[in-house]
Amino acid sequence: MTSTPIAIPEGVAFADLRLARDGATGDVSFDTAVIEHIERESGLPAGFFMGQHEDAVASLITTWYSAHRAAGGDPDPVAEDLLAEVRSEDAAGQPYSHKPGRA
């Protein structure tokens, strides 16, 4: 497996994703144009993240958010919720996510 360094474009902030969560379904939404910009900056083909299982873009978002916070960035409630879910699933040895109310 080859890894590709991901580059966050100059001037792009985590908040530009405009993360949101639907309270009824738990679905997460975000500005896909920001993801496309990251793909271009990183030399990846268009649609690289969105064309894979949702874990690919979720991993990008949570990794970027962790770096954002480590650099002193402001908290984002939706990202905090996503990270809490990842930690909970990891602690339970659960390699996949369930929609709210489906666990």
PDB file of N, CA and C in Angstrom:
ATOM      1  N   MET A   1       0.846  -1.173   0.000  1.00  0.00           N
ATOM      2  CA  MET A   1       0.000   0.000   0.000  1.00  0.00           C
ATOM      3  C   MET A   1       0.892   1.236   0.000  1.00  0.00           C
ATOM      4  N   THR A   2       0.600   2.185  -0.877  1.00  0.00           N
ATOM      5  CA  THR A   2       1.347   3.425  -0.978  1.00  0.00           C
ATOM      6  C   THR A   2       0.575   4.521  -0.266  1.00  0.00           C
ATOM      7  N   SER A   3       1.301   5.370   0.446  1.00  0.00           N
ATOM      8  CA  SER A   3       0.621   6.498   1.073  1.00  0.00           C
ATOM      9  C   SER A   3       0.986   7.767   0.319  1.00  0.00           C
ATOM     10  N   THR A   4       0.033   8.660   0.250  1.00  0.00           N
ATOM     11  CA  THR A   4       0.207   9.936  -0.424  1.00  0.00           C
ATOM     12  C   THR A   4       0.040  11.037   0.599  1.00  0.00           C
ATOM     13  N   PRO A   5       1.033  11.927   0.695  1.00  0.00           N
ATOM     14  CA  PRO A   5       0.865  13.048   1.634  1.00  0.00           C
ATOM     15  C   PRO A   5      -0.299  13.931   1.183  1.00  0.00           C
ATOM     16  N   ILE A   6      -1.092  14.329   2.126  1.00  0.00           N
ATOM     17  CA  ILE A   6      -2.236  15.192   1.846  1.00  0.00           C
ATOM     18  C   ILE A   6      -1.837  16.626   2.191  1.00  0.00           C
ATOM     19  N   ALA A   7      -2.096  17.543   1.264  1.00  0.00           N
ATOM     20  CA  ALA A   7      -1.761  18.946   1.472  1.00  0.00           C
ATOM     21  C   ALA A   7      -3.042  19.764   1.606  1.00  0.00           C
ATOM     22  N   ILE A   8      -3.135  20.493   2.703  1.00  0.00           N
ATOM     23  CA  ILE A   8      -4.256  21.419   2.875  1.00  0.00           C
ATOM     24  C   ILE A   8      -3.827  22.722   2.192  1.00  0.00           C
ATOM     25  N   PRO A   9      -4.600  23.177   1.227  1.00  0.00           N
ATOM     26  CA  PRO A   9      -4.210  24.378   0.478  1.00  0.00           C
ATOM     27  C   PRO A   9      -4.053  25.610   1.369  1.00  0.00           C
ATOM     28  N   GLU A  10      -3.120  26.451   0.995  1.00  0.00           N
ATOM     29  CA  GLU A  10      -2.906  27.726   1.676  1.00  0.00           C
ATOM     30  C   GLU A  10      -4.219  28.501   1.708  1.00  0.00           C
ATOM     31  N   GLY A  11      -4.556  29.026   2.862  1.00  0.00           N
ATOM     32  CA  GLY A  11      -5.766  29.836   2.988  1.00  0.00           C
ATOM     33  C   GLY A  11      -7.037  29.053   3.234  1.00  0.00           C
ATOM     34  N   VAL A  12      -6.965  27.722   3.246  1.00  0.00           N
ATOM     35  CA  VAL A  12      -8.148  26.904   3.521  1.00  0.00           C
ATOM     36  C   VAL A  12      -8.149  26.550   5.011  1.00  0.00           C
ATOM     37  N   ALA A  13      -9.239  26.878   5.669  1.00  0.00           N
ATOM     38  CA  ALA A  13      -9.377  26.610   7.099  1.00  0.00           C
ATOM     39  C   ALA A  13     -10.351  25.455   7.316  1.00  0.00           C
ATOM     40  N   PHE A  14     -10.195  24.772   8.441  1.00  0.00           N
ATOM     41  CA  PHE A  14     -11.084  23.654   8.744  1.00  0.00           C
ATOM     42  C   PHE A  14     -12.543  24.096   8.715  1.00  0.00           C
ATOM     43  N   ALA A  15     -12.829  25.281   9.217  1.00  0.00           N
ATOM     44  CA  ALA A  15     -14.211  25.772   9.260  1.00  0.00           C
ATOM     45  C   ALA A  15     -14.819  25.901   7.865  1.00  0.00           C
ATOM     46  N   ASP A  16     -13.969  26.010   6.834  1.00  0.00           N
ATOM     47  CA  ASP A  16     -14.468  26.116   5.460  1.00  0.00           C
ATOM     48  C   ASP A  16     -15.266  24.883   5.031  1.00  0.00           C
ATOM     49  N   LEU A  17     -15.052  23.765   5.717  1.00  0.00           N
ATOM     50  CA  LEU A  17     -15.819  22.554   5.414  1.00  0.00           C
ATOM     51  C   LEU A  17     -17.310  22.732   5.711  1.00  0.00           C
ATOM     52  N   ARG A  18     -17.614  23.605   6.660  1.00  0.00           N
ATOM     53  CA  ARG A  18     -18.998  23.820   7.097  1.00  0.00           C
ATOM     54  C   ARG A  18     -19.670  22.493   7.470  1.00  0.00           C
ATOM     55  N   LEU A  19     -18.999  21.762   8.362  1.00  0.00           N
ATOM     56  CA  LEU A  19     -19.558  20.487   8.831  1.00  0.00           C
ATOM     57  C   LEU A  19     -20.912  20.717   9.492  1.00  0.00           C
ATOM     58  N   ALA A  20     -21.837  19.846   9.197  1.00  0.00           N
ATOM     59  CA  ALA A  20     -23.159  19.895   9.819  1.00  0.00           C
ATOM     60  C   ALA A  20     -23.652  18.468   9.987  1.00  0.00           C
ATOM     61  N   ARG A  21     -24.581  18.297  10.896  1.00  0.00           N
ATOM     62  CA  ARG A  21     -25.138  16.962  11.136  1.00  0.00           C
ATOM     63  C   ARG A  21     -26.644  17.062  11.240  1.00  0.00           C
ATOM     64  N   ASP A  22     -27.317  16.188  10.534  1.00  0.00           N
ATOM     65  CA  ASP A  22     -28.770  16.112  10.590  1.00  0.00           C
ATOM     66  C   ASP A  22     -29.146  15.395  11.885  1.00  0.00           C
ATOM     67  N   GLY A  23     -29.870  16.073  12.736  1.00  0.00           N
ATOM     68  CA  GLY A  23     -30.234  15.498  14.025  1.00  0.00           C
ATOM     69  C   GLY A  23     -31.089  14.251  13.934  1.00  0.00           C
ATOM     70  N   ALA A  24     -31.934  14.158  12.920  1.00  0.00           N
ATOM     71  CA  ALA A  24     -32.834  13.014  12.793  1.00  0.00           C
ATOM     72  C   ALA A  24     -32.124  11.776  12.259  1.00  0.00           C
ATOM     73  N   THR A  25     -31.252  11.963  11.263  1.00  0.00           N
ATOM     74  CA  THR A  25     -30.611  10.805  10.627  1.00  0.00           C
ATOM     75  C   THR A  25     -29.177  10.579  11.076  1.00  0.00           C
ATOM     76  N   GLY A  26     -28.546  11.637  11.619  1.00  0.00           N
ATOM     77  CA  GLY A  26     -27.136  11.522  11.991  1.00  0.00           C
ATOM     78  C   GLY A  26     -26.200  11.727  10.819  1.00  0.00           C
ATOM     79  N   ASP A  27     -26.753  11.954   9.617  1.00  0.00           N
ATOM     80  CA  ASP A  27     -25.918  12.160   8.433  1.00  0.00           C
ATOM     81  C   ASP A  27     -25.078  13.424   8.588  1.00  0.00           C
ATOM     82  N   VAL A  28     -23.845  13.338   8.124  1.00  0.00           N
ATOM     83  CA  VAL A  28     -22.924  14.464   8.170  1.00  0.00           C
ATOM     84  C   VAL A  28     -22.852  15.067   6.777  1.00  0.00           C
ATOM     85  N   SER A  29     -22.902  16.391   6.712  1.00  0.00           N
ATOM     86  CA  SER A  29     -22.735  17.072   5.434  1.00  0.00           C
ATOM     87  C   SER A  29     -21.570  18.047   5.551  1.00  0.00           C
ATOM     88  N   PHE A  30     -20.994  18.381   4.400  1.00  0.00           N
ATOM     89  CA  PHE A  30     -19.858  19.295   4.352  1.00  0.00           C
ATOM     90  C   PHE A  30     -19.722  19.812   2.935  1.00  0.00           C
ATOM     91  N   ASP A  31     -18.897  20.837   2.774  1.00  0.00           N
ATOM     92  CA  ASP A  31     -18.678  21.445   1.473  1.00  0.00           C
ATOM     93  C   ASP A  31     -17.695  20.577   0.683  1.00  0.00           C
ATOM     94  N   THR A  32     -18.191  19.852  -0.291  1.00  0.00           N
ATOM     95  CA  THR A  32     -17.332  18.947  -1.066  1.00  0.00           C
ATOM     96  C   THR A  32     -16.322  19.704  -1.929  1.00  0.00           C
ATOM     97  N   ALA A  33     -16.582  20.986  -2.210  1.00  0.00           N
ATOM     98  CA  ALA A  33     -15.612  21.783  -2.978  1.00  0.00           C
ATOM     99  C   ALA A  33     -14.290  21.896  -2.217  1.00  0.00           C
ATOM    100  N   VAL A  34     -14.357  21.919  -0.890  1.00  0.00           N
ATOM    101  CA  VAL A  34     -13.133  21.975  -0.082  1.00  0.00           C
ATOM    102  C   VAL A  34     -12.354  20.671  -0.242  1.00  0.00           C
ATOM    103  N   ILE A  35     -13.053  19.549  -0.240  1.00  0.00           N
ATOM    104  CA  ILE A  35     -12.401  18.243  -0.427  1.00  0.00           C
ATOM    105  C   ILE A  35     -11.771  18.189  -1.819  1.00  0.00           C
ATOM    106  N   GLU A  36     -12.475  18.664  -2.825  1.00  0.00           N
ATOM    107  CA  GLU A  36     -11.934  18.682  -4.190  1.00  0.00           C
ATOM    108  C   GLU A  36     -10.682  19.551  -4.285  1.00  0.00           C
ATOM    109  N   HIS A  37     -10.667  20.673  -3.575  1.00  0.00           N
ATOM    110  CA  HIS A  37      -9.493  21.550  -3.549  1.00  0.00           C
ATOM    111  C   HIS A  37      -8.300  20.823  -2.909  1.00  0.00           C
ATOM    112  N   ILE A  38      -8.545  20.097  -1.843  1.00  0.00           N
ATOM    113  CA  ILE A  38      -7.495  19.319  -1.183  1.00  0.00           C
ATOM    114  C   ILE A  38      -6.965  18.249  -2.135  1.00  0.00           C
ATOM    115  N   GLU A  39      -7.855  17.586  -2.855  1.00  0.00           N
ATOM    116  CA  GLU A  39      -7.430  16.569  -3.824  1.00  0.00           C
ATOM    117  C   GLU A  39      -6.484  17.181  -4.860  1.00  0.00           C
ATOM    118  N   ARG A  40      -6.876  18.327  -5.426  1.00  0.00           N
ATOM    119  CA  ARG A  40      -6.026  18.990  -6.433  1.00  0.00           C
ATOM    120  C   ARG A  40      -4.669  19.364  -5.846  1.00  0.00           C
ATOM    121  N   GLU A  41      -4.688  19.959  -4.668  1.00  0.00           N
ATOM    122  CA  GLU A  41      -3.449  20.409  -4.018  1.00  0.00           C
ATOM    123  C   GLU A  41      -2.528  19.218  -3.697  1.00  0.00           C
ATOM    124  N   SER A  42      -3.128  18.081  -3.444  1.00  0.00           N
ATOM    125  CA  SER A  42      -2.367  16.877  -3.079  1.00  0.00           C
ATOM    126  C   SER A  42      -1.977  16.037  -4.290  1.00  0.00           C
ATOM    127  N   GLY A  43      -2.375  16.470  -5.488  1.00  0.00           N
ATOM    128  CA  GLY A  43      -2.047  15.718  -6.698  1.00  0.00           C
ATOM    129  C   GLY A  43      -2.876  14.461  -6.869  1.00  0.00           C
ATOM    130  N   LEU A  44      -4.034  14.424  -6.261  1.00  0.00           N
ATOM    131  CA  LEU A  44      -4.925  13.262  -6.353  1.00  0.00           C
ATOM    132  C   LEU A  44      -5.952  13.486  -7.454  1.00  0.00           C
ATOM    133  N   PRO A  45      -6.467  12.422  -8.027  1.00  0.00           N
ATOM    134  CA  PRO A  45      -7.498  12.589  -9.058  1.00  0.00           C
ATOM    135  C   PRO A  45      -8.785  13.159  -8.467  1.00  0.00           C
ATOM    136  N   ALA A  46      -9.510  13.890  -9.285  1.00  0.00           N
ATOM    137  CA  ALA A  46     -10.799  14.439  -8.861  1.00  0.00           C
ATOM    138  C   ALA A  46     -11.707  13.300  -8.412  1.00  0.00           C
ATOM    139  N   GLY A  47     -12.382  13.498  -7.298  1.00  0.00           N
ATOM    140  CA  GLY A  47     -13.294  12.484  -6.775  1.00  0.00           C
ATOM    141  C   GLY A  47     -12.616  11.381  -5.985  1.00  0.00           C
ATOM    142  N   PHE A  48     -11.331  11.518  -5.713  1.00  0.00           N
ATOM    143  CA  PHE A  48     -10.586  10.474  -5.013  1.00  0.00           C
ATOM    144  C   PHE A  48     -11.257  10.092  -3.693  1.00  0.00           C
ATOM    145  N   PHE A  49     -11.545  11.075  -2.844  1.00  0.00           N
ATOM    146  CA  PHE A  49     -12.134  10.766  -1.536  1.00  0.00           C
ATOM    147  C   PHE A  49     -13.605  10.419  -1.638  1.00  0.00           C
ATOM    148  N   MET A  50     -14.340  11.166  -2.432  1.00  0.00           N
ATOM    149  CA  MET A  50     -15.784  10.951  -2.518  1.00  0.00           C
ATOM    150  C   MET A  50     -16.126   9.665  -3.259  1.00  0.00           C
ATOM    151  N   GLY A  51     -15.202   9.139  -4.041  1.00  0.00           N
ATOM    152  CA  GLY A  51     -15.449   7.910  -4.787  1.00  0.00           C
ATOM    153  C   GLY A  51     -15.131   6.648  -4.015  1.00  0.00           C
ATOM    154  N   GLN A  52     -14.673   6.795  -2.788  1.00  0.00           N
ATOM    155  CA  GLN A  52     -14.338   5.641  -1.955  1.00  0.00           C
ATOM    156  C   GLN A  52     -15.399   5.465  -0.872  1.00  0.00           C
ATOM    157  N   HIS A  53     -15.209   4.431  -0.077  1.00  0.00           N
ATOM    158  CA  HIS A  53     -16.080   4.216   1.082  1.00  0.00           C
ATOM    159  C   HIS A  53     -16.022   5.469   1.950  1.00  0.00           C
ATOM    160  N   GLU A  54     -17.113   5.758   2.639  1.00  0.00           N
ATOM    161  CA  GLU A  54     -17.191   6.976   3.451  1.00  0.00           C
ATOM    162  C   GLU A  54     -16.076   7.088   4.484  1.00  0.00           C
ATOM    163  N   ASP A  55     -15.457   5.976   4.846  1.00  0.00           N
ATOM    164  CA  ASP A  55     -14.364   6.029   5.816  1.00  0.00           C
ATOM    165  C   ASP A  55     -13.177   6.838   5.299  1.00  0.00           C
ATOM    166  N   ALA A  56     -12.991   6.899   3.968  1.00  0.00           N
ATOM    167  CA  ALA A  56     -11.849   7.639   3.415  1.00  0.00           C
ATOM    168  C   ALA A  56     -11.986   9.128   3.694  1.00  0.00           C
ATOM    169  N   VAL A  57     -13.128   9.695   3.378  1.00  0.00           N
ATOM    170  CA  VAL A  57     -13.315  11.123   3.625  1.00  0.00           C
ATOM    171  C   VAL A  57     -13.448  11.393   5.123  1.00  0.00           C
ATOM    172  N   ALA A  58     -14.043  10.470   5.870  1.00  0.00           N
ATOM    173  CA  ALA A  58     -14.150  10.636   7.322  1.00  0.00           C
ATOM    174  C   ALA A  58     -12.762  10.664   7.953  1.00  0.00           C
ATOM    175  N   SER A  59     -11.872   9.812   7.465  1.00  0.00           N
ATOM    176  CA  SER A  59     -10.507   9.791   7.982  1.00  0.00           C
ATOM    177  C   SER A  59      -9.784  11.097   7.656  1.00  0.00           C
ATOM    178  N   LEU A  60      -9.975  11.604   6.440  1.00  0.00           N
ATOM    179  CA  LEU A  60      -9.382  12.887   6.076  1.00  0.00           C
ATOM    180  C   LEU A  60      -9.869  13.982   7.014  1.00  0.00           C
ATOM    181  N   ILE A  61     -11.172  14.031   7.222  1.00  0.00           N
ATOM    182  CA  ILE A  61     -11.748  15.083   8.055  1.00  0.00           C
ATOM    183  C   ILE A  61     -11.280  14.979   9.498  1.00  0.00           C
ATOM    184  N   THR A  62     -11.286  13.784  10.077  1.00  0.00           N
ATOM    185  CA  THR A  62     -10.885  13.652  11.483  1.00  0.00           C
ATOM    186  C   THR A  62      -9.387  13.881  11.669  1.00  0.00           C
ATOM    187  N   THR A  63      -8.581  13.448  10.702  1.00  0.00           N
ATOM    188  CA  THR A  63      -7.136  13.688  10.795  1.00  0.00           C
ATOM    189  C   THR A  63      -6.834  15.176  10.671  1.00  0.00           C
ATOM    190  N   TRP A  64      -7.482  15.822   9.708  1.00  0.00           N
ATOM    191  CA  TRP A  64      -7.300  17.263   9.535  1.00  0.00           C
ATOM    192  C   TRP A  64      -7.763  18.001  10.787  1.00  0.00           C
ATOM    193  N   TYR A  65      -8.898  17.597  11.340  1.00  0.00           N
ATOM    194  CA  TYR A  65      -9.408  18.252  12.540  1.00  0.00           C
ATOM    195  C   TYR A  65      -8.441  18.088  13.709  1.00  0.00           C
ATOM    196  N   SER A  66      -7.889  16.912  13.882  1.00  0.00           N
ATOM    197  CA  SER A  66      -6.927  16.693  14.968  1.00  0.00           C
ATOM    198  C   SER A  66      -5.711  17.611  14.812  1.00  0.00           C
ATOM    199  N   ALA A  67      -5.216  17.756  13.581  1.00  0.00           N
ATOM    200  CA  ALA A  67      -4.077  18.657  13.325  1.00  0.00           C
ATOM    201  C   ALA A  67      -4.487  20.112  13.563  1.00  0.00           C
ATOM    202  N   HIS A  68      -5.680  20.460  13.160  1.00  0.00           N
ATOM    203  CA  HIS A  68      -6.232  21.805  13.362  1.00  0.00           C
ATOM    204  C   HIS A  68      -6.270  22.141  14.853  1.00  0.00           C
ATOM    205  N   ARG A  69      -6.775  21.218  15.651  1.00  0.00           N
ATOM    206  CA  ARG A  69      -6.859  21.451  17.110  1.00  0.00           C
ATOM    207  C   ARG A  69      -5.473  21.498  17.745  1.00  0.00           C
ATOM    208  N   ALA A  70      -4.572  20.602  17.295  1.00  0.00           N
ATOM    209  CA  ALA A  70      -3.210  20.582  17.841  1.00  0.00           C
ATOM    210  C   ALA A  70      -2.491  21.897  17.560  1.00  0.00           C
ATOM    211  N   ALA A  71      -2.877  22.567  16.487  1.00  0.00           N
ATOM    212  CA  ALA A  71      -2.271  23.851  16.132  1.00  0.00           C
ATOM    213  C   ALA A  71      -2.988  25.023  16.804  1.00  0.00           C
ATOM    214  N   GLY A  72      -3.926  24.716  17.706  1.00  0.00           N
ATOM    215  CA  GLY A  72      -4.625  25.762  18.445  1.00  0.00           C
ATOM    216  C   GLY A  72      -5.913  26.228  17.796  1.00  0.00           C
ATOM    217  N   GLY A  73      -6.398  25.486  16.804  1.00  0.00           N
ATOM    218  CA  GLY A  73      -7.643  25.857  16.122  1.00  0.00           C
ATOM    219  C   GLY A  73      -8.858  25.713  17.015  1.00  0.00           C
ATOM    220  N   ASP A  74      -9.888  26.444  16.657  1.00  0.00           N
ATOM    221  CA  ASP A  74     -11.136  26.428  17.422  1.00  0.00           C
ATOM    222  C   ASP A  74     -11.832  25.075  17.326  1.00  0.00           C
ATOM    223  N   PRO A  75     -12.520  24.682  18.407  1.00  0.00           N
ATOM    224  CA  PRO A  75     -13.277  23.427  18.367  1.00  0.00           C
ATOM    225  C   PRO A  75     -14.451  23.527  17.405  1.00  0.00           C
ATOM    226  N   ASP A  76     -14.824  22.398  16.851  1.00  0.00           N
ATOM    227  CA  ASP A  76     -15.984  22.281  15.972  1.00  0.00           C
ATOM    228  C   ASP A  76     -16.862  21.195  16.570  1.00  0.00           C
ATOM    229  N   PRO A  77     -18.114  21.508  16.939  1.00  0.00           N
ATOM    230  CA  PRO A  77     -18.948  20.518  17.627  1.00  0.00           C
ATOM    231  C   PRO A  77     -19.219  19.257  16.816  1.00  0.00           C
ATOM    232  N   VAL A  78     -19.381  19.372  15.507  1.00  0.00           N
ATOM    233  CA  VAL A  78     -19.643  18.182  14.691  1.00  0.00           C
ATOM    234  C   VAL A  78     -18.386  17.323  14.615  1.00  0.00           C
ATOM    235  N   ALA A  79     -17.233  17.944  14.425  1.00  0.00           N
ATOM    236  CA  ALA A  79     -15.977  17.183  14.378  1.00  0.00           C
ATOM    237  C   ALA A  79     -15.704  16.516  15.724  1.00  0.00           C
ATOM    238  N   GLU A  80     -15.998  17.217  16.810  1.00  0.00           N
ATOM    239  CA  GLU A  80     -15.812  16.624  18.140  1.00  0.00           C
ATOM    240  C   GLU A  80     -16.694  15.386  18.288  1.00  0.00           C
ATOM    241  N   ASP A  81     -17.913  15.471  17.790  1.00  0.00           N
ATOM    242  CA  ASP A  81     -18.842  14.342  17.842  1.00  0.00           C
ATOM    243  C   ASP A  81     -18.301  13.173  17.020  1.00  0.00           C
ATOM    244  N   LEU A  82     -17.788  13.463  15.824  1.00  0.00           N
ATOM    245  CA  LEU A  82     -17.230  12.406  14.974  1.00  0.00           C
ATOM    246  C   LEU A  82     -16.040  11.730  15.649  1.00  0.00           C
ATOM    247  N   LEU A  83     -15.153  12.529  16.246  1.00  0.00           N
ATOM    248  CA  LEU A  83     -13.997  11.945  16.936  1.00  0.00           C
ATOM    249  C   LEU A  83     -14.435  11.089  18.119  1.00  0.00           C
ATOM    250  N   ALA A  84     -15.451  11.529  18.841  1.00  0.00           N
ATOM    251  CA  ALA A  84     -15.958  10.736  19.973  1.00  0.00           C
ATOM    252  C   ALA A  84     -16.492   9.399  19.482  1.00  0.00           C
ATOM    253  N   GLU A  85     -17.168   9.404  18.334  1.00  0.00           N
ATOM    254  CA  GLU A  85     -17.675   8.148  17.765  1.00  0.00           C
ATOM    255  C   GLU A  85     -16.528   7.222  17.381  1.00  0.00           C
ATOM    256  N   VAL A  86     -15.495   7.769  16.754  1.00  0.00           N
ATOM    257  CA  VAL A  86     -14.337   6.963  16.353  1.00  0.00           C
ATOM    258  C   VAL A  86     -13.694   6.341  17.578  1.00  0.00           C
ATOM    259  N   ARG A  87     -13.494   7.141  18.618  1.00  0.00           N
ATOM    260  CA  ARG A  87     -12.870   6.623  19.851  1.00  0.00           C
ATOM    261  C   ARG A  87     -13.725   5.524  20.472  1.00  0.00           C
ATOM    262  N   SER A  88     -15.027   5.733  20.491  1.00  0.00           N
ATOM    263  CA  SER A  88     -15.936   4.748  21.068  1.00  0.00           C
ATOM    264  C   SER A  88     -15.916   3.443  20.277  1.00  0.00           C
ATOM    265  N   GLU A  89     -15.936   3.552  18.957  1.00  0.00           N
ATOM    266  CA  GLU A  89     -15.890   2.354  18.112  1.00  0.00           C
ATOM    267  C   GLU A  89     -14.564   1.627  18.277  1.00  0.00           C
ATOM    268  N   ASP A  90     -13.469   2.382  18.322  1.00  0.00           N
ATOM    269  CA  ASP A  90     -12.156   1.760  18.511  1.00  0.00           C
ATOM    270  C   ASP A  90     -12.080   1.042  19.858  1.00  0.00           C
ATOM    271  N   ALA A  91     -12.591   1.686  20.901  1.00  0.00           N
ATOM    272  CA  ALA A  91     -12.551   1.092  22.241  1.00  0.00           C
ATOM    273  C   ALA A  91     -13.379  -0.190  22.307  1.00  0.00           C
ATOM    274  N   ALA A  92     -14.443  -0.247  21.519  1.00  0.00           N
ATOM    275  CA  ALA A  92     -15.311  -1.429  21.510  1.00  0.00           C
ATOM    276  C   ALA A  92     -14.842  -2.491  20.529  1.00  0.00           C
ATOM    277  N   GLY A  93     -13.753  -2.176  19.788  1.00  0.00           N
ATOM    278  CA  GLY A  93     -13.273  -3.123  18.792  1.00  0.00           C
ATOM    279  C   GLY A  93     -14.218  -3.241  17.611  1.00  0.00           C
ATOM    280  N   GLN A  94     -14.965  -2.185  17.378  1.00  0.00           N
ATOM    281  CA  GLN A  94     -15.967  -2.176  16.306  1.00  0.00           C
ATOM    282  C   GLN A  94     -15.371  -1.474  15.077  1.00  0.00           C
ATOM    283  N   PRO A  95     -15.139  -2.192  14.001  1.00  0.00           N
ATOM    284  CA  PRO A  95     -14.469  -1.605  12.846  1.00  0.00           C
ATOM    285  C   PRO A  95     -15.379  -0.840  11.888  1.00  0.00           C
ATOM    286  N   TYR A  96     -16.630  -0.655  12.235  1.00  0.00           N
ATOM    287  CA  TYR A  96     -17.568   0.021  11.335  1.00  0.00           C
ATOM    288  C   TYR A  96     -18.571   0.824  12.160  1.00  0.00           C
ATOM    289  N   SER A  97     -19.269   1.721  11.494  1.00  0.00           N
ATOM    290  CA  SER A  97     -20.235   2.594  12.168  1.00  0.00           C
ATOM    291  C   SER A  97     -21.656   2.152  11.870  1.00  0.00           C
ATOM    292  N   HIS A  98     -22.520   2.409  12.819  1.00  0.00           N
ATOM    293  CA  HIS A  98     -23.956   2.220  12.632  1.00  0.00           C
ATOM    294  C   HIS A  98     -24.603   3.591  12.628  1.00  0.00           C
ATOM    295  N   LYS A  99     -25.676   3.738  11.866  1.00  0.00           N
ATOM    296  CA  LYS A  99     -26.448   4.989  11.939  1.00  0.00           C
ATOM    297  C   LYS A  99     -27.078   5.060  13.328  1.00  0.00           C
ATOM    298  N   PRO A 100     -27.346   6.275  13.811  1.00  0.00           N
ATOM    299  CA  PRO A 100     -27.992   6.414  15.119  1.00  0.00           C
ATOM    300  C   PRO A 100     -29.250   5.569  15.205  1.00  0.00           C
ATOM    301  N   GLY A 101     -29.418   4.889  16.333  1.00  0.00           N
ATOM    302  CA  GLY A 101     -30.578   4.045  16.558  1.00  0.00           C
ATOM    303  C   GLY A 101     -30.507   2.686  15.901  1.00  0.00           C
ATOM    304  N   ARG A 102     -29.370   2.348  15.271  1.00  0.00           N
ATOM    305  CA  ARG A 102     -29.254   1.084  14.544  1.00  0.00           C
ATOM    306  C   ARG A 102     -28.195   0.147  15.137  1.00  0.00           C
ATOM    307  N   ALA A 103     -27.560   0.545  16.194  1.00  0.00           N
ATOM    308  CA  ALA A 103     -26.483  -0.274  16.764  1.00  0.00           C
ATOM    309  C   ALA A 103     -26.995  -1.525  17.399  1.00  0.00           C
TER     310      ALA A 103
END
